[in-house]
Amino acid sequence: CTLDDWQEALEEACHKLDVPRPLLLPR
């Protein structure tokens, strides 16, 4: 991915690891 589209890549990684996607907080 690129630095800007990391959230989409995180969703794909969660799918690959078979874990739920975490809540994304301002922190």
mmCIF file of all heavy atoms, coordinates in Angstrom:
data_MODEL
# 
_entry.id   MODEL 
# 
loop_
_atom_site.group_PDB 
_atom_site.id 
_atom_site.type_symbol 
_atom_site.label_atom_id 
_atom_site.label_alt_id 
_atom_site.label_comp_id 
_atom_site.label_asym_id 
_atom_site.label_entity_id 
_atom_site.label_seq_id 
_atom_site.pdbx_PDB_ins_code 
_atom_site.Cartn_x 
_atom_site.Cartn_y 
_atom_site.Cartn_z 
_atom_site.occupancy 
_atom_site.B_iso_or_equiv 
_atom_site.pdbx_formal_charge 
_atom_site.auth_seq_id 
_atom_site.auth_comp_id 
_atom_site.auth_asym_id 
_atom_site.auth_atom_id 
_atom_site.pdbx_PDB_model_num 
ATOM 1   N N   . CYS A 1 1  ? 0.851   -1.184  0.000  1.00 0.00 ? 1  CYS A N   1 
ATOM 2   C CA  . CYS A 1 1  ? 0.000   0.000   0.000  1.00 0.00 ? 1  CYS A CA  1 
ATOM 3   C C   . CYS A 1 1  ? 0.889   1.237   0.000  1.00 0.00 ? 1  CYS A C   1 
ATOM 4   O O   . CYS A 1 1  ? 2.107   1.138   0.082  1.00 0.00 ? 1  CYS A O   1 
ATOM 5   C CB  . CYS A 1 1  ? -0.935  0.018   1.206  1.00 0.00 ? 1  CYS A CB  1 
ATOM 6   S SG  . CYS A 1 1  ? -0.106  0.268   2.797  1.00 0.00 ? 1  CYS A SG  1 
ATOM 7   N N   . THR A 1 2  ? 0.250   2.389   -0.060 1.00 0.00 ? 2  THR A N   1 
ATOM 8   C CA  . THR A 1 2  ? 0.967   3.646   0.107  1.00 0.00 ? 2  THR A CA  1 
ATOM 9   C C   . THR A 1 2  ? 0.729   4.127   1.529  1.00 0.00 ? 2  THR A C   1 
ATOM 10  O O   . THR A 1 2  ? -0.119  3.589   2.243  1.00 0.00 ? 2  THR A O   1 
ATOM 11  C CB  . THR A 1 2  ? 0.463   4.716   -0.891 1.00 0.00 ? 2  THR A CB  1 
ATOM 12  O OG1 . THR A 1 2  ? -0.905  5.005   -0.592 1.00 0.00 ? 2  THR A OG1 1 
ATOM 13  C CG2 . THR A 1 2  ? 0.616   4.250   -2.324 1.00 0.00 ? 2  THR A CG2 1 
ATOM 14  N N   . LEU A 1 3  ? 1.435   5.138   1.919  1.00 0.00 ? 3  LEU A N   1 
ATOM 15  C CA  . LEU A 1 3  ? 1.296   5.672   3.272  1.00 0.00 ? 3  LEU A CA  1 
ATOM 16  C C   . LEU A 1 3  ? -0.115  6.192   3.518  1.00 0.00 ? 3  LEU A C   1 
ATOM 17  O O   . LEU A 1 3  ? -0.619  6.130   4.641  1.00 0.00 ? 3  LEU A O   1 
ATOM 18  C CB  . LEU A 1 3  ? 2.328   6.795   3.483  1.00 0.00 ? 3  LEU A CB  1 
ATOM 19  C CG  . LEU A 1 3  ? 2.526   7.315   4.896  1.00 0.00 ? 3  LEU A CG  1 
ATOM 20  C CD1 . LEU A 1 3  ? 2.934   6.204   5.844  1.00 0.00 ? 3  LEU A CD1 1 
ATOM 21  C CD2 . LEU A 1 3  ? 3.579   8.405   4.908  1.00 0.00 ? 3  LEU A CD2 1 
ATOM 22  N N   . ASP A 1 4  ? -0.784  6.674   2.467  1.00 0.00 ? 4  ASP A N   1 
ATOM 23  C CA  . ASP A 1 4  ? -2.109  7.273   2.626  1.00 0.00 ? 4  ASP A CA  1 
ATOM 24  C C   . ASP A 1 4  ? -3.257  6.269   2.630  1.00 0.00 ? 4  ASP A C   1 
ATOM 25  O O   . ASP A 1 4  ? -4.318  6.567   3.163  1.00 0.00 ? 4  ASP A O   1 
ATOM 26  C CB  . ASP A 1 4  ? -2.353  8.308   1.524  1.00 0.00 ? 4  ASP A CB  1 
ATOM 27  C CG  . ASP A 1 4  ? -1.393  9.483   1.623  1.00 0.00 ? 4  ASP A CG  1 
ATOM 28  O OD1 . ASP A 1 4  ? -0.979  9.822   2.753  1.00 0.00 ? 4  ASP A OD1 1 
ATOM 29  O OD2 . ASP A 1 4  ? -1.046  10.047  0.573  1.00 0.00 ? 4  ASP A OD2 1 
ATOM 30  N N   . ASP A 1 5  ? -3.087  5.106   2.041  1.00 0.00 ? 5  ASP A N   1 
ATOM 31  C CA  . ASP A 1 5  ? -4.196  4.147   2.008  1.00 0.00 ? 5  ASP A CA  1 
ATOM 32  C C   . ASP A 1 5  ? -3.975  2.958   2.948  1.00 0.00 ? 5  ASP A C   1 
ATOM 33  O O   . ASP A 1 5  ? -4.404  1.852   2.696  1.00 0.00 ? 5  ASP A O   1 
ATOM 34  C CB  . ASP A 1 5  ? -4.484  3.679   0.579  1.00 0.00 ? 5  ASP A CB  1 
ATOM 35  C CG  . ASP A 1 5  ? -3.385  2.817   -0.011 1.00 0.00 ? 5  ASP A CG  1 
ATOM 36  O OD1 . ASP A 1 5  ? -2.310  2.709   0.602  1.00 0.00 ? 5  ASP A OD1 1 
ATOM 37  O OD2 . ASP A 1 5  ? -3.611  2.248   -1.093 1.00 0.00 ? 5  ASP A OD2 1 
ATOM 38  N N   . TRP A 1 6  ? -3.359  3.224   4.077  1.00 0.00 ? 6  TRP A N   1 
ATOM 39  C CA  . TRP A 1 6  ? -3.032  2.173   5.040  1.00 0.00 ? 6  TRP A CA  1 
ATOM 40  C C   . TRP A 1 6  ? -4.271  1.547   5.664  1.00 0.00 ? 6  TRP A C   1 
ATOM 41  O O   . TRP A 1 6  ? -4.260  0.371   6.026  1.00 0.00 ? 6  TRP A O   1 
ATOM 42  C CB  . TRP A 1 6  ? -2.094  2.703   6.111  1.00 0.00 ? 6  TRP A CB  1 
ATOM 43  C CG  . TRP A 1 6  ? -2.712  3.646   7.095  1.00 0.00 ? 6  TRP A CG  1 
ATOM 44  C CD1 . TRP A 1 6  ? -2.953  4.972   6.925  1.00 0.00 ? 6  TRP A CD1 1 
ATOM 45  C CD2 . TRP A 1 6  ? -3.184  3.326   8.400  1.00 0.00 ? 6  TRP A CD2 1 
ATOM 46  N NE1 . TRP A 1 6  ? -3.531  5.494   8.048  1.00 0.00 ? 6  TRP A NE1 1 
ATOM 47  C CE2 . TRP A 1 6  ? -3.688  4.510   8.971  1.00 0.00 ? 6  TRP A CE2 1 
ATOM 48  C CE3 . TRP A 1 6  ? -3.226  2.155   9.151  1.00 0.00 ? 6  TRP A CE3 1 
ATOM 49  C CZ2 . TRP A 1 6  ? -4.238  4.558   10.251 1.00 0.00 ? 6  TRP A CZ2 1 
ATOM 50  C CZ3 . TRP A 1 6  ? -3.769  2.198   10.427 1.00 0.00 ? 6  TRP A CZ3 1 
ATOM 51  C CH2 . TRP A 1 6  ? -4.262  3.392   10.969 1.00 0.00 ? 6  TRP A CH2 1 
ATOM 52  N N   . GLN A 1 7  ? -5.371  2.308   5.781  1.00 0.00 ? 7  GLN A N   1 
ATOM 53  C CA  . GLN A 1 7  ? -6.571  1.759   6.414  1.00 0.00 ? 7  GLN A CA  1 
ATOM 54  C C   . GLN A 1 7  ? -7.194  0.655   5.566  1.00 0.00 ? 7  GLN A C   1 
ATOM 55  O O   . GLN A 1 7  ? -7.675  -0.338  6.092  1.00 0.00 ? 7  GLN A O   1 
ATOM 56  C CB  . GLN A 1 7  ? -7.565  2.874   6.691  1.00 0.00 ? 7  GLN A CB  1 
ATOM 57  C CG  . GLN A 1 7  ? -7.065  3.844   7.749  1.00 0.00 ? 7  GLN A CG  1 
ATOM 58  C CD  . GLN A 1 7  ? -8.016  4.990   7.978  1.00 0.00 ? 7  GLN A CD  1 
ATOM 59  O OE1 . GLN A 1 7  ? -9.207  4.878   7.731  1.00 0.00 ? 7  GLN A OE1 1 
ATOM 60  N NE2 . GLN A 1 7  ? -7.503  6.103   8.452  1.00 0.00 ? 7  GLN A NE2 1 
ATOM 61  N N   . GLU A 1 8  ? -7.181  0.828   4.253  1.00 0.00 ? 8  GLU A N   1 
ATOM 62  C CA  . GLU A 1 8  ? -7.679  -0.224  3.364  1.00 0.00 ? 8  GLU A CA  1 
ATOM 63  C C   . GLU A 1 8  ? -6.775  -1.452  3.448  1.00 0.00 ? 8  GLU A C   1 
ATOM 64  O O   . GLU A 1 8  ? -7.256  -2.590  3.448  1.00 0.00 ? 8  GLU A O   1 
ATOM 65  C CB  . GLU A 1 8  ? -7.742  0.282   1.931  1.00 0.00 ? 8  GLU A CB  1 
ATOM 66  C CG  . GLU A 1 8  ? -8.762  1.378   1.719  1.00 0.00 ? 8  GLU A CG  1 
ATOM 67  C CD  . GLU A 1 8  ? -8.665  2.003   0.341  1.00 0.00 ? 8  GLU A CD  1 
ATOM 68  O OE1 . GLU A 1 8  ? -8.125  1.356   -0.582 1.00 0.00 ? 8  GLU A OE1 1 
ATOM 69  O OE2 . GLU A 1 8  ? -9.130  3.137   0.198  1.00 0.00 ? 8  GLU A OE2 1 
ATOM 70  N N   . ALA A 1 9  ? -5.475  -1.228  3.519  1.00 0.00 ? 9  ALA A N   1 
ATOM 71  C CA  . ALA A 1 9  ? -4.523  -2.341  3.637  1.00 0.00 ? 9  ALA A CA  1 
ATOM 72  C C   . ALA A 1 9  ? -4.697  -3.046  4.981  1.00 0.00 ? 9  ALA A C   1 
ATOM 73  O O   . ALA A 1 9  ? -4.553  -4.272  5.061  1.00 0.00 ? 9  ALA A O   1 
ATOM 74  C CB  . ALA A 1 9  ? -3.099  -1.826  3.480  1.00 0.00 ? 9  ALA A CB  1 
ATOM 75  N N   . LEU A 1 10 ? -5.018  -2.286  6.037  1.00 0.00 ? 10 LEU A N   1 
ATOM 76  C CA  . LEU A 1 10 ? -5.256  -2.892  7.350  1.00 0.00 ? 10 LEU A CA  1 
ATOM 77  C C   . LEU A 1 10 ? -6.455  -3.826  7.286  1.00 0.00 ? 10 LEU A C   1 
ATOM 78  O O   . LEU A 1 10 ? -6.425  -4.923  7.848  1.00 0.00 ? 10 LEU A O   1 
ATOM 79  C CB  . LEU A 1 10 ? -5.473  -1.810  8.410  1.00 0.00 ? 10 LEU A CB  1 
ATOM 80  C CG  . LEU A 1 10 ? -5.830  -2.305  9.809  1.00 0.00 ? 10 LEU A CG  1 
ATOM 81  C CD1 . LEU A 1 10 ? -4.734  -3.198  10.369 1.00 0.00 ? 10 LEU A CD1 1 
ATOM 82  C CD2 . LEU A 1 10 ? -6.085  -1.120  10.734 1.00 0.00 ? 10 LEU A CD2 1 
ATOM 83  N N   . GLU A 1 11 ? -7.499  -3.405  6.581  1.00 0.00 ? 11 GLU A N   1 
ATOM 84  C CA  . GLU A 1 11 ? -8.669  -4.266  6.435  1.00 0.00 ? 11 GLU A CA  1 
ATOM 85  C C   . GLU A 1 11 ? -8.299  -5.569  5.714  1.00 0.00 ? 11 GLU A C   1 
ATOM 86  O O   . GLU A 1 11 ? -8.721  -6.654  6.115  1.00 0.00 ? 11 GLU A O   1 
ATOM 87  C CB  . GLU A 1 11 ? -9.765  -3.524  5.664  1.00 0.00 ? 11 GLU A CB  1 
ATOM 88  C CG  . GLU A 1 11 ? -11.069 -4.267  5.646  1.00 0.00 ? 11 GLU A CG  1 
ATOM 89  C CD  . GLU A 1 11 ? -12.214 -3.404  5.174  1.00 0.00 ? 11 GLU A CD  1 
ATOM 90  O OE1 . GLU A 1 11 ? -12.155 -2.175  5.294  1.00 0.00 ? 11 GLU A OE1 1 
ATOM 91  O OE2 . GLU A 1 11 ? -13.190 -3.992  4.676  1.00 0.00 ? 11 GLU A OE2 1 
ATOM 92  N N   . GLU A 1 12 ? -7.494  -5.465  4.673  1.00 0.00 ? 12 GLU A N   1 
ATOM 93  C CA  . GLU A 1 12 ? -7.047  -6.662  3.951  1.00 0.00 ? 12 GLU A CA  1 
ATOM 94  C C   . GLU A 1 12 ? -6.193  -7.554  4.843  1.00 0.00 ? 12 GLU A C   1 
ATOM 95  O O   . GLU A 1 12 ? -6.325  -8.781  4.836  1.00 0.00 ? 12 GLU A O   1 
ATOM 96  C CB  . GLU A 1 12 ? -6.261  -6.252  2.706  1.00 0.00 ? 12 GLU A CB  1 
ATOM 97  C CG  . GLU A 1 12 ? -5.827  -7.420  1.867  1.00 0.00 ? 12 GLU A CG  1 
ATOM 98  C CD  . GLU A 1 12 ? -5.038  -7.008  0.630  1.00 0.00 ? 12 GLU A CD  1 
ATOM 99  O OE1 . GLU A 1 12 ? -5.198  -5.882  0.154  1.00 0.00 ? 12 GLU A OE1 1 
ATOM 100 O OE2 . GLU A 1 12 ? -4.249  -7.851  0.149  1.00 0.00 ? 12 GLU A OE2 1 
ATOM 101 N N   . ALA A 1 13 ? -5.309  -6.949  5.633  1.00 0.00 ? 13 ALA A N   1 
ATOM 102 C CA  . ALA A 1 13 ? -4.457  -7.724  6.543  1.00 0.00 ? 13 ALA A CA  1 
ATOM 103 C C   . ALA A 1 13 ? -5.289  -8.449  7.599  1.00 0.00 ? 13 ALA A C   1 
ATOM 104 O O   . ALA A 1 13 ? -5.024  -9.612  7.916  1.00 0.00 ? 13 ALA A O   1 
ATOM 105 C CB  . ALA A 1 13 ? -3.431  -6.810  7.210  1.00 0.00 ? 13 ALA A CB  1 
ATOM 106 N N   . CYS A 1 14 ? -6.301  -7.776  8.129  1.00 0.00 ? 14 CYS A N   1 
ATOM 107 C CA  . CYS A 1 14 ? -7.179  -8.410  9.124  1.00 0.00 ? 14 CYS A CA  1 
ATOM 108 C C   . CYS A 1 14 ? -7.892  -9.611  8.505  1.00 0.00 ? 14 CYS A C   1 
ATOM 109 O O   . CYS A 1 14 ? -8.044  -10.649 9.151  1.00 0.00 ? 14 CYS A O   1 
ATOM 110 C CB  . CYS A 1 14 ? -8.177  -7.407  9.670  1.00 0.00 ? 14 CYS A CB  1 
ATOM 111 S SG  . CYS A 1 14 ? -7.442  -6.177  10.760 1.00 0.00 ? 14 CYS A SG  1 
ATOM 112 N N   . HIS A 1 15 ? -8.314  -9.461  7.260  1.00 0.00 ? 15 HIS A N   1 
ATOM 113 C CA  . HIS A 1 15 ? -8.968  -10.574 6.563  1.00 0.00 ? 15 HIS A CA  1 
ATOM 114 C C   . HIS A 1 15 ? -7.987  -11.744 6.396  1.00 0.00 ? 15 HIS A C   1 
ATOM 115 O O   . HIS A 1 15 ? -8.340  -12.895 6.643  1.00 0.00 ? 15 HIS A O   1 
ATOM 116 C CB  . HIS A 1 15 ? -9.498  -10.105 5.210  1.00 0.00 ? 15 HIS A CB  1 
ATOM 117 C CG  . HIS A 1 15 ? -10.205 -11.170 4.452  1.00 0.00 ? 15 HIS A CG  1 
ATOM 118 N ND1 . HIS A 1 15 ? -11.454 -11.623 4.801  1.00 0.00 ? 15 HIS A ND1 1 
ATOM 119 C CD2 . HIS A 1 15 ? -9.827  -11.893 3.361  1.00 0.00 ? 15 HIS A CD2 1 
ATOM 120 C CE1 . HIS A 1 15 ? -11.817 -12.575 3.965  1.00 0.00 ? 15 HIS A CE1 1 
ATOM 121 N NE2 . HIS A 1 15 ? -10.848 -12.764 3.075  1.00 0.00 ? 15 HIS A NE2 1 
ATOM 122 N N   . LYS A 1 16 ? -6.749  -11.448 5.995  1.00 0.00 ? 16 LYS A N   1 
ATOM 123 C CA  . LYS A 1 16 ? -5.733  -12.490 5.820  1.00 0.00 ? 16 LYS A CA  1 
ATOM 124 C C   . LYS A 1 16 ? -5.426  -13.202 7.137  1.00 0.00 ? 16 LYS A C   1 
ATOM 125 O O   . LYS A 1 16 ? -5.192  -14.412 7.159  1.00 0.00 ? 16 LYS A O   1 
ATOM 126 C CB  . LYS A 1 16 ? -4.443  -11.890 5.252  1.00 0.00 ? 16 LYS A CB  1 
ATOM 127 C CG  . LYS A 1 16 ? -4.530  -11.517 3.788  1.00 0.00 ? 16 LYS A CG  1 
ATOM 128 C CD  . LYS A 1 16 ? -3.336  -10.711 3.338  1.00 0.00 ? 16 LYS A CD  1 
ATOM 129 C CE  . LYS A 1 16 ? -2.113  -11.530 3.085  1.00 0.00 ? 16 LYS A CE  1 
ATOM 130 N NZ  . LYS A 1 16 ? -1.012  -10.719 2.476  1.00 0.00 ? 16 LYS A NZ  1 
ATOM 131 N N   . LEU A 1 17 ? -5.407  -12.442 8.247  1.00 0.00 ? 17 LEU A N   1 
ATOM 132 C CA  . LEU A 1 17 ? -5.097  -13.012 9.555  1.00 0.00 ? 17 LEU A CA  1 
ATOM 133 C C   . LEU A 1 17 ? -6.330  -13.581 10.264 1.00 0.00 ? 17 LEU A C   1 
ATOM 134 O O   . LEU A 1 17 ? -6.216  -14.146 11.342 1.00 0.00 ? 17 LEU A O   1 
ATOM 135 C CB  . LEU A 1 17 ? -4.443  -11.948 10.445 1.00 0.00 ? 17 LEU A CB  1 
ATOM 136 C CG  . LEU A 1 17 ? -3.055  -11.490 10.011 1.00 0.00 ? 17 LEU A CG  1 
ATOM 137 C CD1 . LEU A 1 17 ? -2.641  -10.242 10.781 1.00 0.00 ? 17 LEU A CD1 1 
ATOM 138 C CD2 . LEU A 1 17 ? -2.037  -12.607 10.205 1.00 0.00 ? 17 LEU A CD2 1 
ATOM 139 N N   . ASP A 1 18 ? -7.506  -13.397 9.656  1.00 0.00 ? 18 ASP A N   1 
ATOM 140 C CA  . ASP A 1 18 ? -8.774  -13.864 10.214 1.00 0.00 ? 18 ASP A CA  1 
ATOM 141 C C   . ASP A 1 18 ? -9.026  -13.290 11.610 1.00 0.00 ? 18 ASP A C   1 
ATOM 142 O O   . ASP A 1 18 ? -9.317  -14.007 12.561 1.00 0.00 ? 18 ASP A O   1 
ATOM 143 C CB  . ASP A 1 18 ? -8.823  -15.393 10.238 1.00 0.00 ? 18 ASP A CB  1 
ATOM 144 C CG  . ASP A 1 18 ? -10.243 -15.909 10.462 1.00 0.00 ? 18 ASP A CG  1 
ATOM 145 O OD1 . ASP A 1 18 ? -11.207 -15.203 10.091 1.00 0.00 ? 18 ASP A OD1 1 
ATOM 146 O OD2 . ASP A 1 18 ? -10.386 -17.017 11.025 1.00 0.00 ? 18 ASP A OD2 1 
ATOM 147 N N   . VAL A 1 19 ? -8.869  -11.976 11.723 1.00 0.00 ? 19 VAL A N   1 
ATOM 148 C CA  . VAL A 1 19 ? -9.157  -11.261 12.958 1.00 0.00 ? 19 VAL A CA  1 
ATOM 149 C C   . VAL A 1 19 ? -10.081 -10.077 12.624 1.00 0.00 ? 19 VAL A C   1 
ATOM 150 O O   . VAL A 1 19 ? -10.088 -9.598  11.490 1.00 0.00 ? 19 VAL A O   1 
ATOM 151 C CB  . VAL A 1 19 ? -7.884  -10.743 13.661 1.00 0.00 ? 19 VAL A CB  1 
ATOM 152 C CG1 . VAL A 1 19 ? -6.998  -11.897 14.093 1.00 0.00 ? 19 VAL A CG1 1 
ATOM 153 C CG2 . VAL A 1 19 ? -7.117  -9.778  12.794 1.00 0.00 ? 19 VAL A CG2 1 
ATOM 154 N N   . PRO A 1 20 ? -10.864 -9.619  13.609 1.00 0.00 ? 20 PRO A N   1 
ATOM 155 C CA  . PRO A 1 20 ? -11.724 -8.470  13.335 1.00 0.00 ? 20 PRO A CA  1 
ATOM 156 C C   . PRO A 1 20 ? -10.899 -7.197  13.151 1.00 0.00 ? 20 PRO A C   1 
ATOM 157 O O   . PRO A 1 20 ? -9.778  -7.089  13.658 1.00 0.00 ? 20 PRO A O   1 
ATOM 158 C CB  . PRO A 1 20 ? -12.612 -8.372  14.578 1.00 0.00 ? 20 PRO A CB  1 
ATOM 159 C CG  . PRO A 1 20 ? -11.854 -9.077  15.648 1.00 0.00 ? 20 PRO A CG  1 
ATOM 160 C CD  . PRO A 1 20 ? -11.018 -10.120 14.962 1.00 0.00 ? 20 PRO A CD  1 
ATOM 161 N N   . ARG A 1 21 ? -11.469 -6.248  12.430 1.00 0.00 ? 21 ARG A N   1 
ATOM 162 C CA  . ARG A 1 21 ? -10.796 -4.967  12.249 1.00 0.00 ? 21 ARG A CA  1 
ATOM 163 C C   . ARG A 1 21 ? -10.949 -4.151  13.541 1.00 0.00 ? 21 ARG A C   1 
ATOM 164 O O   . ARG A 1 21 ? -12.024 -4.084  14.111 1.00 0.00 ? 21 ARG A O   1 
ATOM 165 C CB  . ARG A 1 21 ? -11.422 -4.222  11.077 1.00 0.00 ? 21 ARG A CB  1 
ATOM 166 C CG  . ARG A 1 21 ? -10.709 -2.933  10.796 1.00 0.00 ? 21 ARG A CG  1 
ATOM 167 C CD  . ARG A 1 21 ? -11.264 -2.237  9.608  1.00 0.00 ? 21 ARG A CD  1 
ATOM 168 N NE  . ARG A 1 21 ? -10.591 -0.955  9.470  1.00 0.00 ? 21 ARG A NE  1 
ATOM 169 C CZ  . ARG A 1 21 ? -10.778 -0.140  8.474  1.00 0.00 ? 21 ARG A CZ  1 
ATOM 170 N NH1 . ARG A 1 21 ? -11.613 -0.447  7.520  1.00 0.00 ? 21 ARG A NH1 1 
ATOM 171 N NH2 . ARG A 1 21 ? -10.128 0.987   8.426  1.00 0.00 ? 21 ARG A NH2 1 
ATOM 172 N N   . PRO A 1 22 ? -9.879  -3.522  14.007 1.00 0.00 ? 22 PRO A N   1 
ATOM 173 C CA  . PRO A 1 22 ? -9.967  -2.733  15.243 1.00 0.00 ? 22 PRO A CA  1 
ATOM 174 C C   . PRO A 1 22 ? -10.674 -1.396  15.004 1.00 0.00 ? 22 PRO A C   1 
ATOM 175 O O   . PRO A 1 22 ? -10.797 -0.926  13.875 1.00 0.00 ? 22 PRO A O   1 
ATOM 176 C CB  . PRO A 1 22 ? -8.493  -2.501  15.614 1.00 0.00 ? 22 PRO A CB  1 
ATOM 177 C CG  . PRO A 1 22 ? -7.785  -2.542  14.298 1.00 0.00 ? 22 PRO A CG  1 
ATOM 178 C CD  . PRO A 1 22 ? -8.522  -3.534  13.458 1.00 0.00 ? 22 PRO A CD  1 
ATOM 179 N N   . LEU A 1 23 ? -11.128 -0.804  16.103 1.00 0.00 ? 23 LEU A N   1 
ATOM 180 C CA  . LEU A 1 23 ? -11.696 0.540   16.039 1.00 0.00 ? 23 LEU A CA  1 
ATOM 181 C C   . LEU A 1 23 ? -10.556 1.520   15.821 1.00 0.00 ? 23 LEU A C   1 
ATOM 182 O O   . LEU A 1 23 ? -9.515  1.433   16.486 1.00 0.00 ? 23 LEU A O   1 
ATOM 183 C CB  . LEU A 1 23 ? -12.408 0.876   17.349 1.00 0.00 ? 23 LEU A CB  1 
ATOM 184 C CG  . LEU A 1 23 ? -13.606 0.010   17.714 1.00 0.00 ? 23 LEU A CG  1 
ATOM 185 C CD1 . LEU A 1 23 ? -14.084 0.362   19.116 1.00 0.00 ? 23 LEU A CD1 1 
ATOM 186 C CD2 . LEU A 1 23 ? -14.708 0.183   16.703 1.00 0.00 ? 23 LEU A CD2 1 
ATOM 187 N N   . LEU A 1 24 ? -10.736 2.445   14.925 1.00 0.00 ? 24 LEU A N   1 
ATOM 188 C CA  . LEU A 1 24 ? -9.715  3.428   14.617 1.00 0.00 ? 24 LEU A CA  1 
ATOM 189 C C   . LEU A 1 24 ? -10.035 4.719   15.374 1.00 0.00 ? 24 LEU A C   1 
ATOM 190 O O   . LEU A 1 24 ? -11.033 5.367   15.100 1.00 0.00 ? 24 LEU A O   1 
ATOM 191 C CB  . LEU A 1 24 ? -9.673  3.677   13.111 1.00 0.00 ? 24 LEU A CB  1 
ATOM 192 C CG  . LEU A 1 24 ? -8.451  4.364   12.576 1.00 0.00 ? 24 LEU A CG  1 
ATOM 193 C CD1 . LEU A 1 24 ? -7.205  3.554   12.870 1.00 0.00 ? 24 LEU A CD1 1 
ATOM 194 C CD2 . LEU A 1 24 ? -8.586  4.579   11.091 1.00 0.00 ? 24 LEU A CD2 1 
ATOM 195 N N   . LEU A 1 25 ? -9.213  5.062   16.339 1.00 0.00 ? 25 LEU A N   1 
ATOM 196 C CA  . LEU A 1 25 ? -9.429  6.242   17.179 1.00 0.00 ? 25 LEU A CA  1 
ATOM 197 C C   . LEU A 1 25 ? -8.531  7.387   16.729 1.00 0.00 ? 25 LEU A C   1 
ATOM 198 O O   . LEU A 1 25 ? -7.534  7.166   16.035 1.00 0.00 ? 25 LEU A O   1 
ATOM 199 C CB  . LEU A 1 25 ? -9.128  5.884   18.635 1.00 0.00 ? 25 LEU A CB  1 
ATOM 200 C CG  . LEU A 1 25 ? -9.927  4.727   19.227 1.00 0.00 ? 25 LEU A CG  1 
ATOM 201 C CD1 . LEU A 1 25 ? -9.429  4.417   20.633 1.00 0.00 ? 25 LEU A CD1 1 
ATOM 202 C CD2 . LEU A 1 25 ? -11.406 5.033   19.223 1.00 0.00 ? 25 LEU A CD2 1 
ATOM 203 N N   . PRO A 1 26 ? -8.853  8.623   17.136 1.00 0.00 ? 26 PRO A N   1 
ATOM 204 C CA  . PRO A 1 26 ? -7.987  9.758   16.787 1.00 0.00 ? 26 PRO A CA  1 
ATOM 205 C C   . PRO A 1 26 ? -6.528  9.539   17.203 1.00 0.00 ? 26 PRO A C   1 
ATOM 206 O O   . PRO A 1 26 ? -5.609  9.965   16.527 1.00 0.00 ? 26 PRO A O   1 
ATOM 207 C CB  . PRO A 1 26 ? -8.619  10.928  17.536 1.00 0.00 ? 26 PRO A CB  1 
ATOM 208 C CG  . PRO A 1 26 ? -10.061 10.564  17.659 1.00 0.00 ? 26 PRO A CG  1 
ATOM 209 C CD  . PRO A 1 26 ? -10.066 9.062   17.833 1.00 0.00 ? 26 PRO A CD  1 
ATOM 210 N N   . ARG A 1 27 ? -6.336  8.851   18.296 1.00 0.00 ? 27 ARG A N   1 
ATOM 211 C CA  . ARG A 1 27 ? -4.977  8.540   18.764 1.00 0.00 ? 27 ARG A CA  1 
ATOM 212 C C   . ARG A 1 27 ? -4.210  7.740   17.719 1.00 0.00 ? 27 ARG A C   1 
ATOM 213 O O   . ARG A 1 27 ? -3.027  7.979   17.465 1.00 0.00 ? 27 ARG A O   1 
ATOM 214 C CB  . ARG A 1 27 ? -5.079  7.769   20.071 1.00 0.00 ? 27 ARG A CB  1 
ATOM 215 C CG  . ARG A 1 27 ? -3.793  7.138   20.484 1.00 0.00 ? 27 ARG A CG  1 
ATOM 216 C CD  . ARG A 1 27 ? -4.006  6.101   21.544 1.00 0.00 ? 27 ARG A CD  1 
ATOM 217 N NE  . ARG A 1 27 ? -2.813  5.280   21.566 1.00 0.00 ? 27 ARG A NE  1 
ATOM 218 C CZ  . ARG A 1 27 ? -2.699  4.182   22.240 1.00 0.00 ? 27 ARG A CZ  1 
ATOM 219 N NH1 . ARG A 1 27 ? -3.673  3.736   22.962 1.00 0.00 ? 27 ARG A NH1 1 
ATOM 220 N NH2 . ARG A 1 27 ? -1.593  3.494   22.209 1.00 0.00 ? 27 ARG A NH2 1 
# 
